[in-house]
PDB file of N, CA and C in Angstrom:
ATOM      1  N   MET A   1      -2.177 -19.088  -0.351  1.00  0.00           N
ATOM      2  CA  MET A   1      -0.803 -19.302   0.017  1.00  0.00           C
ATOM      3  C   MET A   1      -0.020 -18.011  -0.220  1.00  0.00           C
ATOM      4  N   ALA A   2       0.713 -17.579   0.774  1.00  0.00           N
ATOM      5  CA  ALA A   2       1.509 -16.360   0.671  1.00  0.00           C
ATOM      6  C   ALA A   2       2.734 -16.596  -0.209  1.00  0.00           C
ATOM      7  N   ILE A   3       3.079 -15.571  -0.960  1.00  0.00           N
ATOM      8  CA  ILE A   3       4.283 -15.619  -1.785  1.00  0.00           C
ATOM      9  C   ILE A   3       5.371 -14.851  -1.049  1.00  0.00           C
ATOM     10  N   ARG A   4       6.492 -15.497  -0.821  1.00  0.00           N
ATOM     11  CA  ARG A   4       7.614 -14.845  -0.134  1.00  0.00           C
ATOM     12  C   ARG A   4       8.648 -14.445  -1.169  1.00  0.00           C
ATOM     13  N   PRO A   5       8.886 -13.163  -1.302  1.00  0.00           N
ATOM     14  CA  PRO A   5       9.916 -12.725  -2.239  1.00  0.00           C
ATOM     15  C   PRO A   5      11.313 -13.035  -1.714  1.00  0.00           C
ATOM     16  N   GLU A   6      12.270 -12.989  -2.614  1.00  0.00           N
ATOM     17  CA  GLU A   6      13.652 -13.196  -2.203  1.00  0.00           C
ATOM     18  C   GLU A   6      14.101 -12.049  -1.306  1.00  0.00           C
ATOM     19  N   ARG A   7      15.002 -12.331  -0.399  1.00  0.00           N
ATOM     20  CA  ARG A   7      15.566 -11.317   0.483  1.00  0.00           C
ATOM     21  C   ARG A   7      16.414 -10.348  -0.334  1.00  0.00           C
ATOM     22  N   LEU A   8      16.285  -9.071  -0.021  1.00  0.00           N
ATOM     23  CA  LEU A   8      17.116  -8.070  -0.679  1.00  0.00           C
ATOM     24  C   LEU A   8      18.549  -8.198  -0.192  1.00  0.00           C
ATOM     25  N   GLU A   9      19.484  -7.930  -1.114  1.00  0.00           N
ATOM     26  CA  GLU A   9      20.901  -7.983  -0.781  1.00  0.00           C
ATOM     27  C   GLU A   9      21.561  -6.676  -1.184  1.00  0.00           C
ATOM     28  N   ALA A  10      22.711  -6.404  -0.594  1.00  0.00           N
ATOM     29  CA  ALA A  10      23.473  -5.222  -0.977  1.00  0.00           C
ATOM     30  C   ALA A  10      23.650  -5.217  -2.491  1.00  0.00           C
ATOM     31  N   GLY A  11      23.444  -4.051  -3.087  1.00  0.00           N
ATOM     32  CA  GLY A  11      23.550  -3.923  -4.539  1.00  0.00           C
ATOM     33  C   GLY A  11      22.219  -4.009  -5.254  1.00  0.00           C
ATOM     34  N   ASP A  12      21.181  -4.557  -4.583  1.00  0.00           N
ATOM     35  CA  ASP A  12      19.845  -4.595  -5.186  1.00  0.00           C
ATOM     36  C   ASP A  12      19.291  -3.178  -5.279  1.00  0.00           C
ATOM     37  N   THR A  13      18.340  -3.000  -6.190  1.00  0.00           N
ATOM     38  CA  THR A  13      17.768  -1.678  -6.440  1.00  0.00           C
ATOM     39  C   THR A  13      16.368  -1.575  -5.865  1.00  0.00           C
ATOM     40  N   VAL A  14      16.138  -0.467  -5.143  1.00  0.00           N
ATOM     41  CA  VAL A  14      14.838  -0.150  -4.563  1.00  0.00           C
ATOM     42  C   VAL A  14      14.309   1.097  -5.264  1.00  0.00           C
ATOM     43  N   GLY A  15      13.058   1.049  -5.701  1.00  0.00           N
ATOM     44  CA  GLY A  15      12.413   2.208  -6.294  1.00  0.00           C
ATOM     45  C   GLY A  15      11.562   2.907  -5.256  1.00  0.00           C
ATOM     46  N   VAL A  16      11.828   4.181  -4.998  1.00  0.00           N
ATOM     47  CA  VAL A  16      11.101   4.960  -3.995  1.00  0.00           C
ATOM     48  C   VAL A  16      10.121   5.879  -4.700  1.00  0.00           C
ATOM     49  N   VAL A  17       8.844   5.805  -4.299  1.00  0.00           N
ATOM     50  CA  VAL A  17       7.791   6.615  -4.903  1.00  0.00           C
ATOM     51  C   VAL A  17       6.865   7.169  -3.820  1.00  0.00           C
ATOM     52  N   SER A  18       6.150   8.222  -4.164  1.00  0.00           N
ATOM     53  CA  SER A  18       5.103   8.758  -3.292  1.00  0.00           C
ATOM     54  C   SER A  18       3.769   8.421  -3.936  1.00  0.00           C
ATOM     55  N   VAL A  19       2.986   7.590  -3.279  1.00  0.00           N
ATOM     56  CA  VAL A  19       1.691   7.186  -3.845  1.00  0.00           C
ATOM     57  C   VAL A  19       0.505   7.756  -3.086  1.00  0.00           C
ATOM     58  N   GLY A  20       0.772   8.371  -1.959  1.00  0.00           N
ATOM     59  CA  GLY A  20      -0.305   8.909  -1.134  1.00  0.00           C
ATOM     60  C   GLY A  20      -0.009  10.325  -0.715  1.00  0.00           C
ATOM     61  N   SER A  21      -0.054  10.565   0.575  1.00  0.00           N
ATOM     62  CA  SER A  21       0.214  11.896   1.106  1.00  0.00           C
ATOM     63  C   SER A  21       1.706  12.201   1.055  1.00  0.00           C
ATOM     64  N   PRO A  22       2.052  13.483   0.927  1.00  0.00           N
ATOM     65  CA  PRO A  22       3.463  13.848   0.817  1.00  0.00           C
ATOM     66  C   PRO A  22       4.182  13.784   2.159  1.00  0.00           C
ATOM     67  N   LEU A  23       5.477  13.670   2.077  1.00  0.00           N
ATOM     68  CA  LEU A  23       6.367  13.819   3.223  1.00  0.00           C
ATOM     69  C   LEU A  23       7.356  14.921   2.877  1.00  0.00           C
ATOM     70  N   SER A  24       7.978  15.495   3.876  1.00  0.00           N
ATOM     71  CA  SER A  24       8.966  16.539   3.606  1.00  0.00           C
ATOM     72  C   SER A  24      10.182  15.934   2.907  1.00  0.00           C
ATOM     73  N   ARG A  25      10.850  16.757   2.147  1.00  0.00           N
ATOM     74  CA  ARG A  25      12.070  16.336   1.459  1.00  0.00           C
ATOM     75  C   ARG A  25      13.086  15.777   2.464  1.00  0.00           C
ATOM     76  N   GLU A  26      13.175  16.403   3.633  1.00  0.00           N
ATOM     77  CA  GLU A  26      14.138  15.967   4.646  1.00  0.00           C
ATOM     78  C   GLU A  26      13.851  14.545   5.118  1.00  0.00           C
ATOM     79  N   VAL A  27      12.596  14.239   5.377  1.00  0.00           N
ATOM     80  CA  VAL A  27      12.230  12.894   5.837  1.00  0.00           C
ATOM     81  C   VAL A  27      12.486  11.869   4.737  1.00  0.00           C
ATOM     82  N   ILE A  28      12.102  12.187   3.515  1.00  0.00           N
ATOM     83  CA  ILE A  28      12.339  11.258   2.399  1.00  0.00           C
ATOM     84  C   ILE A  28      13.834  11.016   2.236  1.00  0.00           C
ATOM     85  N   ASP A  29      14.620  12.092   2.264  1.00  0.00           N
ATOM     86  CA  ASP A  29      16.066  11.953   2.092  1.00  0.00           C
ATOM     87  C   ASP A  29      16.701  11.144   3.222  1.00  0.00           C
ATOM     88  N   GLU A  30      16.199  11.281   4.450  1.00  0.00           N
ATOM     89  CA  GLU A  30      16.703  10.469   5.565  1.00  0.00           C
ATOM     90  C   GLU A  30      16.439   8.987   5.313  1.00  0.00           C
ATOM     91  N   ARG A  31      15.254   8.681   4.821  1.00  0.00           N
ATOM     92  CA  ARG A  31      14.899   7.282   4.553  1.00  0.00           C
ATOM     93  C   ARG A  31      15.733   6.707   3.414  1.00  0.00           C
ATOM     94  N   ILE A  32      15.985   7.531   2.398  1.00  0.00           N
ATOM     95  CA  ILE A  32      16.823   7.089   1.282  1.00  0.00           C
ATOM     96  C   ILE A  32      18.247   6.841   1.770  1.00  0.00           C
ATOM     97  N   ALA A  33      18.759   7.739   2.608  1.00  0.00           N
ATOM     98  CA  ALA A  33      20.110   7.568   3.156  1.00  0.00           C
ATOM     99  C   ALA A  33      20.212   6.261   3.942  1.00  0.00           C
ATOM    100  N   TYR A  34      19.148   5.922   4.683  1.00  0.00           N
ATOM    101  CA  TYR A  34      19.159   4.667   5.437  1.00  0.00           C
ATOM    102  C   TYR A  34      19.235   3.466   4.487  1.00  0.00           C
ATOM    103  N   LEU A  35      18.437   3.484   3.436  1.00  0.00           N
ATOM    104  CA  LEU A  35      18.472   2.389   2.465  1.00  0.00           C
ATOM    105  C   LEU A  35      19.861   2.259   1.849  1.00  0.00           C
ATOM    106  N   GLU A  36      20.454   3.392   1.516  1.00  0.00           N
ATOM    107  CA  GLU A  36      21.794   3.370   0.930  1.00  0.00           C
ATOM    108  C   GLU A  36      22.825   2.865   1.934  1.00  0.00           C
ATOM    109  N   SER A  37      22.620   3.144   3.217  1.00  0.00           N
ATOM    110  CA  SER A  37      23.556   2.652   4.242  1.00  0.00           C
ATOM    111  C   SER A  37      23.511   1.129   4.351  1.00  0.00           C
ATOM    112  N   LEU A  38      22.424   0.540   3.887  1.00  0.00           N
ATOM    113  CA  LEU A  38      22.297  -0.921   3.875  1.00  0.00           C
ATOM    114  C   LEU A  38      22.923  -1.531   2.620  1.00  0.00           C
ATOM    115  N   GLY A  39      23.466  -0.676   1.762  1.00  0.00           N
ATOM    116  CA  GLY A  39      24.099  -1.149   0.538  1.00  0.00           C
ATOM    117  C   GLY A  39      23.147  -1.264  -0.636  1.00  0.00           C
ATOM    118  N   LEU A  40      21.938  -0.726  -0.488  1.00  0.00           N
ATOM    119  CA  LEU A  40      20.958  -0.796  -1.571  1.00  0.00           C
ATOM    120  C   LEU A  40      21.115   0.395  -2.509  1.00  0.00           C
ATOM    121  N   ARG A  41      20.888   0.156  -3.784  1.00  0.00           N
ATOM    122  CA  ARG A  41      20.811   1.240  -4.764  1.00  0.00           C
ATOM    123  C   ARG A  41      19.398   1.784  -4.716  1.00  0.00           C
ATOM    124  N   VAL A  42      19.229   3.081  -4.862  1.00  0.00           N
ATOM    125  CA  VAL A  42      17.905   3.695  -4.790  1.00  0.00           C
ATOM    126  C   VAL A  42      17.638   4.497  -6.050  1.00  0.00           C
ATOM    127  N   ILE A  43      16.481   4.244  -6.646  1.00  0.00           N
ATOM    128  CA  ILE A  43      15.972   5.052  -7.744  1.00  0.00           C
ATOM    129  C   ILE A  43      14.769   5.809  -7.199  1.00  0.00           C
ATOM    130  N   ILE A  44      14.760   7.109  -7.398  1.00  0.00           N
ATOM    131  CA  ILE A  44      13.688   7.955  -6.873  1.00  0.00           C
ATOM    132  C   ILE A  44      12.748   8.324  -8.009  1.00  0.00           C
ATOM    133  N   GLY A  45      11.447   8.117  -7.789  1.00  0.00           N
ATOM    134  CA  GLY A  45      10.462   8.501  -8.790  1.00  0.00           C
ATOM    135  C   GLY A  45      10.541   9.990  -9.095  1.00  0.00           C
ATOM    136  N   GLU A  46      10.311  10.342 -10.336  1.00  0.00           N
ATOM    137  CA  GLU A  46      10.430  11.727 -10.789  1.00  0.00           C
ATOM    138  C   GLU A  46       9.567  12.699  -9.978  1.00  0.00           C
ATOM    139  N   HIS A  47       8.425  12.241  -9.501  1.00  0.00           N
ATOM    140  CA  HIS A  47       7.470  13.116  -8.822  1.00  0.00           C
ATOM    141  C   HIS A  47       7.424  12.893  -7.308  1.00  0.00           C
ATOM    142  N   THR A  48       8.401  12.198  -6.759  1.00  0.00           N
ATOM    143  CA  THR A  48       8.391  11.806  -5.349  1.00  0.00           C
ATOM    144  C   THR A  48       8.268  12.975  -4.386  1.00  0.00           C
ATOM    145  N   TYR A  49       8.850  14.104  -4.731  1.00  0.00           N
ATOM    146  CA  TYR A  49       8.862  15.245  -3.802  1.00  0.00           C
ATOM    147  C   TYR A  49       7.716  16.229  -4.038  1.00  0.00           C
ATOM    148  N   GLU A  50       6.830  15.952  -4.977  1.00  0.00           N
ATOM    149  CA  GLU A  50       5.758  16.892  -5.296  1.00  0.00           C
ATOM    150  C   GLU A  50       4.676  16.909  -4.224  1.00  0.00           C
ATOM    151  N   GLU A  51       3.960  18.017  -4.167  1.00  0.00           N
ATOM    152  CA  GLU A  51       2.817  18.145  -3.267  1.00  0.00           C
ATOM    153  C   GLU A  51       1.653  18.758  -4.038  1.00  0.00           C
ATOM    154  N   ASN A  52       0.470  18.229  -3.791  1.00  0.00           N
ATOM    155  CA  ASN A  52      -0.753  18.737  -4.404  1.00  0.00           C
ATOM    156  C   ASN A  52      -1.853  18.611  -3.354  1.00  0.00           C
ATOM    157  N   GLY A  53      -1.985  19.632  -2.501  1.00  0.00           N
ATOM    158  CA  GLY A  53      -2.935  19.550  -1.402  1.00  0.00           C
ATOM    159  C   GLY A  53      -2.511  18.472  -0.427  1.00  0.00           C
ATOM    160  N   PHE A  54      -3.423  17.548  -0.132  1.00  0.00           N
ATOM    161  CA  PHE A  54      -3.102  16.479   0.823  1.00  0.00           C
ATOM    162  C   PHE A  54      -2.461  15.274   0.152  1.00  0.00           C
ATOM    163  N   LEU A  55      -2.178  15.378  -1.160  1.00  0.00           N
ATOM    164  CA  LEU A  55      -1.547  14.277  -1.885  1.00  0.00           C
ATOM    165  C   LEU A  55      -0.168  14.694  -2.395  1.00  0.00           C
ATOM    166  N   ALA A  56       0.632  13.711  -2.708  1.00  0.00           N
ATOM    167  CA  ALA A  56       1.989  13.943  -3.210  1.00  0.00           C
ATOM    168  C   ALA A  56       1.947  14.026  -4.735  1.00  0.00           C
ATOM    169  N   GLY A  57       1.497  15.146  -5.256  1.00  0.00           N
ATOM    170  CA  GLY A  57       1.367  15.298  -6.704  1.00  0.00           C
ATOM    171  C   GLY A  57      -0.003  14.854  -7.171  1.00  0.00           C
ATOM    172  N   ASP A  58      -0.251  15.030  -8.467  1.00  0.00           N
ATOM    173  CA  ASP A  58      -1.558  14.635  -9.004  1.00  0.00           C
ATOM    174  C   ASP A  58      -1.595  13.122  -9.262  1.00  0.00           C
ATOM    175  N   ASP A  59      -2.794  12.609  -9.486  1.00  0.00           N
ATOM    176  CA  ASP A  59      -2.975  11.159  -9.658  1.00  0.00           C
ATOM    177  C   ASP A  59      -2.103  10.597 -10.780  1.00  0.00           C
ATOM    178  N   GLU A  60      -2.081  11.287 -11.913  1.00  0.00           N
ATOM    179  CA  GLU A  60      -1.336  10.788 -13.068  1.00  0.00           C
ATOM    180  C   GLU A  60       0.162  10.698 -12.775  1.00  0.00           C
ATOM    181  N   SER A  61       0.708  11.700 -12.093  1.00  0.00           N
ATOM    182  CA  SER A  61       2.145  11.703 -11.773  1.00  0.00           C
ATOM    183  C   SER A  61       2.506  10.579 -10.820  1.00  0.00           C
ATOM    184  N   ARG A  62       1.690  10.382  -9.797  1.00  0.00           N
ATOM    185  CA  ARG A  62       1.974   9.318  -8.831  1.00  0.00           C
ATOM    186  C   ARG A  62       1.850   7.948  -9.495  1.00  0.00           C
ATOM    187  N   ALA A  63       0.835   7.778 -10.326  1.00  0.00           N
ATOM    188  CA  ALA A  63       0.660   6.503 -11.023  1.00  0.00           C
ATOM    189  C   ALA A  63       1.808   6.258 -12.004  1.00  0.00           C
ATOM    190  N   GLU A  64       2.242   7.305 -12.678  1.00  0.00           N
ATOM    191  CA  GLU A  64       3.358   7.178 -13.627  1.00  0.00           C
ATOM    192  C   GLU A  64       4.627   6.719 -12.909  1.00  0.00           C
ATOM    193  N   ASP A  65       4.942   7.340 -11.779  1.00  0.00           N
ATOM    194  CA  ASP A  65       6.125   6.927 -11.016  1.00  0.00           C
ATOM    195  C   ASP A  65       6.030   5.465 -10.600  1.00  0.00           C
ATOM    196  N   PHE A  66       4.890   5.071 -10.082  1.00  0.00           N
ATOM    197  CA  PHE A  66       4.706   3.690  -9.630  1.00  0.00           C
ATOM    198  C   PHE A  66       4.885   2.712 -10.788  1.00  0.00           C
ATOM    199  N   MET A  67       4.225   2.987 -11.903  1.00  0.00           N
ATOM    200  CA  MET A  67       4.291   2.061 -13.034  1.00  0.00           C
ATOM    201  C   MET A  67       5.683   2.044 -13.672  1.00  0.00           C
ATOM    202  N   ASN A  68       6.396   3.163 -13.636  1.00  0.00           N
ATOM    203  CA  ASN A  68       7.777   3.161 -14.127  1.00  0.00           C
ATOM    204  C   ASN A  68       8.641   2.218 -13.306  1.00  0.00           C
ATOM    205  N   MET A  69       8.371   2.125 -12.022  1.00  0.00           N
ATOM    206  CA  MET A  69       9.116   1.190 -11.172  1.00  0.00           C
ATOM    207  C   MET A  69       8.711  -0.255 -11.460  1.00  0.00           C
ATOM    208  N   VAL A  70       7.441  -0.486 -11.713  1.00  0.00           N
ATOM    209  CA  VAL A  70       6.966  -1.843 -12.006  1.00  0.00           C
ATOM    210  C   VAL A  70       7.651  -2.407 -13.250  1.00  0.00           C
ATOM    211  N   VAL A  71       7.808  -1.598 -14.274  1.00  0.00           N
ATOM    212  CA  VAL A  71       8.368  -2.097 -15.530  1.00  0.00           C
ATOM    213  C   VAL A  71       9.890  -2.012 -15.593  1.00  0.00           C
ATOM    214  N   ASN A  72      10.521  -1.418 -14.594  1.00  0.00           N
ATOM    215  CA  ASN A  72      11.970  -1.304 -14.567  1.00  0.00           C
ATOM    216  C   ASN A  72      12.563  -2.627 -14.087  1.00  0.00           C
ATOM    217  N   ASN A  73      13.290  -3.314 -14.964  1.00  0.00           N
ATOM    218  CA  ASN A  73      13.838  -4.632 -14.631  1.00  0.00           C
ATOM    219  C   ASN A  73      14.873  -4.606 -13.520  1.00  0.00           C
ATOM    220  N   GLU A  74      15.455  -3.439 -13.230  1.00  0.00           N
ATOM    221  CA  GLU A  74      16.452  -3.340 -12.162  1.00  0.00           C
ATOM    222  C   GLU A  74      15.816  -3.291 -10.783  1.00  0.00           C
ATOM    223  N   VAL A  75      14.576  -2.843 -10.693  1.00  0.00           N
ATOM    224  CA  VAL A  75      13.929  -2.619  -9.398  1.00  0.00           C
ATOM    225  C   VAL A  75      13.468  -3.939  -8.794  1.00  0.00           C
ATOM    226  N   LYS A  76      13.997  -4.247  -7.615  1.00  0.00           N
ATOM    227  CA  LYS A  76      13.615  -5.471  -6.906  1.00  0.00           C
ATOM    228  C   LYS A  76      12.546  -5.207  -5.855  1.00  0.00           C
ATOM    229  N   MET A  77      12.401  -3.942  -5.450  1.00  0.00           N
ATOM    230  CA  MET A  77      11.416  -3.580  -4.437  1.00  0.00           C
ATOM    231  C   MET A  77      10.909  -2.176  -4.725  1.00  0.00           C
ATOM    232  N   ILE A  78       9.595  -1.995  -4.665  1.00  0.00           N
ATOM    233  CA  ILE A  78       8.999  -0.677  -4.768  1.00  0.00           C
ATOM    234  C   ILE A  78       8.604  -0.272  -3.358  1.00  0.00           C
ATOM    235  N   LEU A  79       9.152   0.856  -2.904  1.00  0.00           N
ATOM    236  CA  LEU A  79       8.924   1.301  -1.538  1.00  0.00           C
ATOM    237  C   LEU A  79       8.258   2.673  -1.540  1.00  0.00           C
ATOM    238  N   PRO A  80       6.966   2.729  -1.249  1.00  0.00           N
ATOM    239  CA  PRO A  80       6.320   4.034  -1.103  1.00  0.00           C
ATOM    240  C   PRO A  80       6.861   4.746   0.132  1.00  0.00           C
ATOM    241  N   VAL A  81       6.987   6.070   0.056  1.00  0.00           N
ATOM    242  CA  VAL A  81       7.495   6.814   1.214  1.00  0.00           C
ATOM    243  C   VAL A  81       6.508   6.761   2.368  1.00  0.00           C
ATOM    244  N   ARG A  82       5.252   6.526   2.072  1.00  0.00           N
ATOM    245  CA  ARG A  82       4.214   6.271   3.077  1.00  0.00           C
ATOM    246  C   ARG A  82       3.040   5.635   2.363  1.00  0.00           C
ATOM    247  N   GLY A  83       2.114   5.079   3.096  1.00  0.00           N
ATOM    248  CA  GLY A  83       0.954   4.423   2.495  1.00  0.00           C
ATOM    249  C   GLY A  83       0.027   5.422   1.829  1.00  0.00           C
ATOM    250  N   GLY A  84      -0.961   4.924   1.108  1.00  0.00           N
ATOM    251  CA  GLY A  84      -1.892   5.864   0.496  1.00  0.00           C
ATOM    252  C   GLY A  84      -2.758   5.273  -0.596  1.00  0.00           C
ATOM    253  N   TRP A  85      -2.866   6.008  -1.648  1.00  0.00           N
ATOM    254  CA  TRP A  85      -3.856   5.777  -2.691  1.00  0.00           C
ATOM    255  C   TRP A  85      -3.309   4.998  -3.880  1.00  0.00           C
ATOM    256  N   CYS A  86      -2.502   4.021  -3.658  1.00  0.00           N
ATOM    257  CA  CYS A  86      -1.883   3.279  -4.750  1.00  0.00           C
ATOM    258  C   CYS A  86      -2.924   2.617  -5.649  1.00  0.00           C
ATOM    259  N   HIS A  87      -3.927   1.990  -5.067  1.00  0.00           N
ATOM    260  CA  HIS A  87      -4.960   1.325  -5.858  1.00  0.00           C
ATOM    261  C   HIS A  87      -5.674   2.336  -6.753  1.00  0.00           C
ATOM    262  N   ARG A  88      -5.942   3.508  -6.216  1.00  0.00           N
ATOM    263  CA  ARG A  88      -6.565   4.573  -7.003  1.00  0.00           C
ATOM    264  C   ARG A  88      -5.669   4.941  -8.181  1.00  0.00           C
ATOM    265  N   ASN A  89      -4.336   4.974  -7.977  1.00  0.00           N
ATOM    266  CA  ASN A  89      -3.419   5.298  -9.056  1.00  0.00           C
ATOM    267  C   ASN A  89      -3.515   4.297 -10.191  1.00  0.00           C
ATOM    268  N   ALA A  90      -3.593   3.020  -9.875  1.00  0.00           N
ATOM    269  CA  ALA A  90      -3.708   2.004 -10.919  1.00  0.00           C
ATOM    270  C   ALA A  90      -4.973   2.221 -11.729  1.00  0.00           C
ATOM    271  N   GLN A  91      -6.032   2.674 -11.074  1.00  0.00           N
ATOM    272  CA  GLN A  91      -7.286   2.921 -11.773  1.00  0.00           C
ATOM    273  C   GLN A  91      -7.185   4.094 -12.740  1.00  0.00           C
ATOM    274  N   VAL A  92      -6.261   5.035 -12.469  1.00  0.00           N
ATOM    275  CA  VAL A  92      -6.091   6.187 -13.351  1.00  0.00           C
ATOM    276  C   VAL A  92      -5.808   5.722 -14.774  1.00  0.00           C
ATOM    277  N   PHE A  93      -4.997   4.681 -14.922  1.00  0.00           N
ATOM    278  CA  PHE A  93      -4.663   4.162 -16.243  1.00  0.00           C
ATOM    279  C   PHE A  93      -5.515   2.955 -16.633  1.00  0.00           C
ATOM    280  N   GLY A  94      -6.500   2.617 -15.830  1.00  0.00           N
ATOM    281  CA  GLY A  94      -7.340   1.461 -16.117  1.00  0.00           C
ATOM    282  C   GLY A  94      -6.560   0.164 -16.065  1.00  0.00           C
ATOM    283  N   LEU A  95      -5.577   0.089 -15.176  1.00  0.00           N
ATOM    284  CA  LEU A  95      -4.703  -1.077 -15.113  1.00  0.00           C
ATOM    285  C   LEU A  95      -5.308  -2.182 -14.260  1.00  0.00           C
ATOM    286  N   GLN A  96      -5.090  -3.388 -14.699  1.00  0.00           N
ATOM    287  CA  GLN A  96      -5.391  -4.568 -13.899  1.00  0.00           C
ATOM    288  C   GLN A  96      -4.032  -5.123 -13.495  1.00  0.00           C
ATOM    289  N   PHE A  97      -3.562  -4.775 -12.300  1.00  0.00           N
ATOM    290  CA  PHE A  97      -2.219  -5.169 -11.898  1.00  0.00           C
ATOM    291  C   PHE A  97      -2.166  -6.650 -11.594  1.00  0.00           C
ATOM    292  N   ASP A  98      -1.210  -7.310 -12.213  1.00  0.00           N
ATOM    293  CA  ASP A  98      -0.992  -8.738 -12.022  1.00  0.00           C
ATOM    294  C   ASP A  98       0.476  -8.923 -11.666  1.00  0.00           C
ATOM    295  N   SER A  99       0.761  -9.448 -10.488  1.00  0.00           N
ATOM    296  CA  SER A  99       2.144  -9.575 -10.040  1.00  0.00           C
ATOM    297  C   SER A  99       2.984 -10.431 -10.985  1.00  0.00           C
ATOM    298  N   ARG A 100       2.344 -11.281 -11.776  1.00  0.00           N
ATOM    299  CA  ARG A 100       3.108 -12.094 -12.719  1.00  0.00           C
ATOM    300  C   ARG A 100       3.692 -11.248 -13.843  1.00  0.00           C
ATOM    301  N   GLU A 101       3.171 -10.040 -14.031  1.00  0.00           N
ATOM    302  CA  GLU A 101       3.674  -9.146 -15.071  1.00  0.00           C
ATOM    303  C   GLU A 101       4.774  -8.234 -14.558  1.00  0.00           C
ATOM    304  N   SER A 102       5.110  -8.315 -13.291  1.00  0.00           N
ATOM    305  CA  SER A 102       6.026  -7.347 -12.691  1.00  0.00           C
ATOM    306  C   SER A 102       7.497  -7.700 -12.879  1.00  0.00           C
ATOM    307  N   LYS A 103       7.798  -8.670 -13.704  1.00  0.00           N
ATOM    308  CA  LYS A 103       9.164  -9.049 -14.027  1.00  0.00           C
ATOM    309  C   LYS A 103       9.965  -9.344 -12.767  1.00  0.00           C
ATOM    310  N   ASN A 104      11.000  -8.564 -12.499  1.00  0.00           N
ATOM    311  CA  ASN A 104      11.908  -8.855 -11.388  1.00  0.00           C
ATOM    312  C   ASN A 104      11.509  -8.201 -10.080  1.00  0.00           C
ATOM    313  N   CYS A 105      10.447  -7.445 -10.065  1.00  0.00           N
ATOM    314  CA  CYS A 105      10.079  -6.731  -8.843  1.00  0.00           C
ATOM    315  C   CYS A 105       9.374  -7.687  -7.889  1.00  0.00           C
ATOM    316  N   ASN A 106      10.037  -7.987  -6.781  1.00  0.00           N
ATOM    317  CA  ASN A 106       9.500  -8.953  -5.829  1.00  0.00           C
ATOM    318  C   ASN A 106       8.725  -8.334  -4.693  1.00  0.00           C
ATOM    319  N   TRP A 107       8.985  -7.087  -4.380  1.00  0.00           N
ATOM    320  CA  TRP A 107       8.400  -6.437  -3.217  1.00  0.00           C
ATOM    321  C   TRP A 107       7.660  -5.189  -3.641  1.00  0.00           C
ATOM    322  N   ILE A 108       6.469  -5.034  -3.152  1.00  0.00           N
ATOM    323  CA  ILE A 108       5.717  -3.779  -3.335  1.00  0.00           C
ATOM    324  C   ILE A 108       5.136  -3.439  -1.990  1.00  0.00           C
TER     325      ILE A 108
END
């Protein structure tokens, strides 16, 4: 059975992270501006703009940003700037991700 999260509303907080390949700062900033135009608050992961070869920063940095969003009670949605190696990031810390532990975060 699929779990449907609550609809986001103006004032809700979205956490933006890079979990896979990098995007240019300009593209990321355009996407953030769009989210803000919808009335959403945006928190940007510390390493979101980093580049490390074909990845957006090293594994530990990307995993740290993602997990910081998971444990942040204000974040209602975690939005990667593009798809990628998120599962690999969880393995960096040996995490067994359980959505029941994600507190208020409804969307990943």
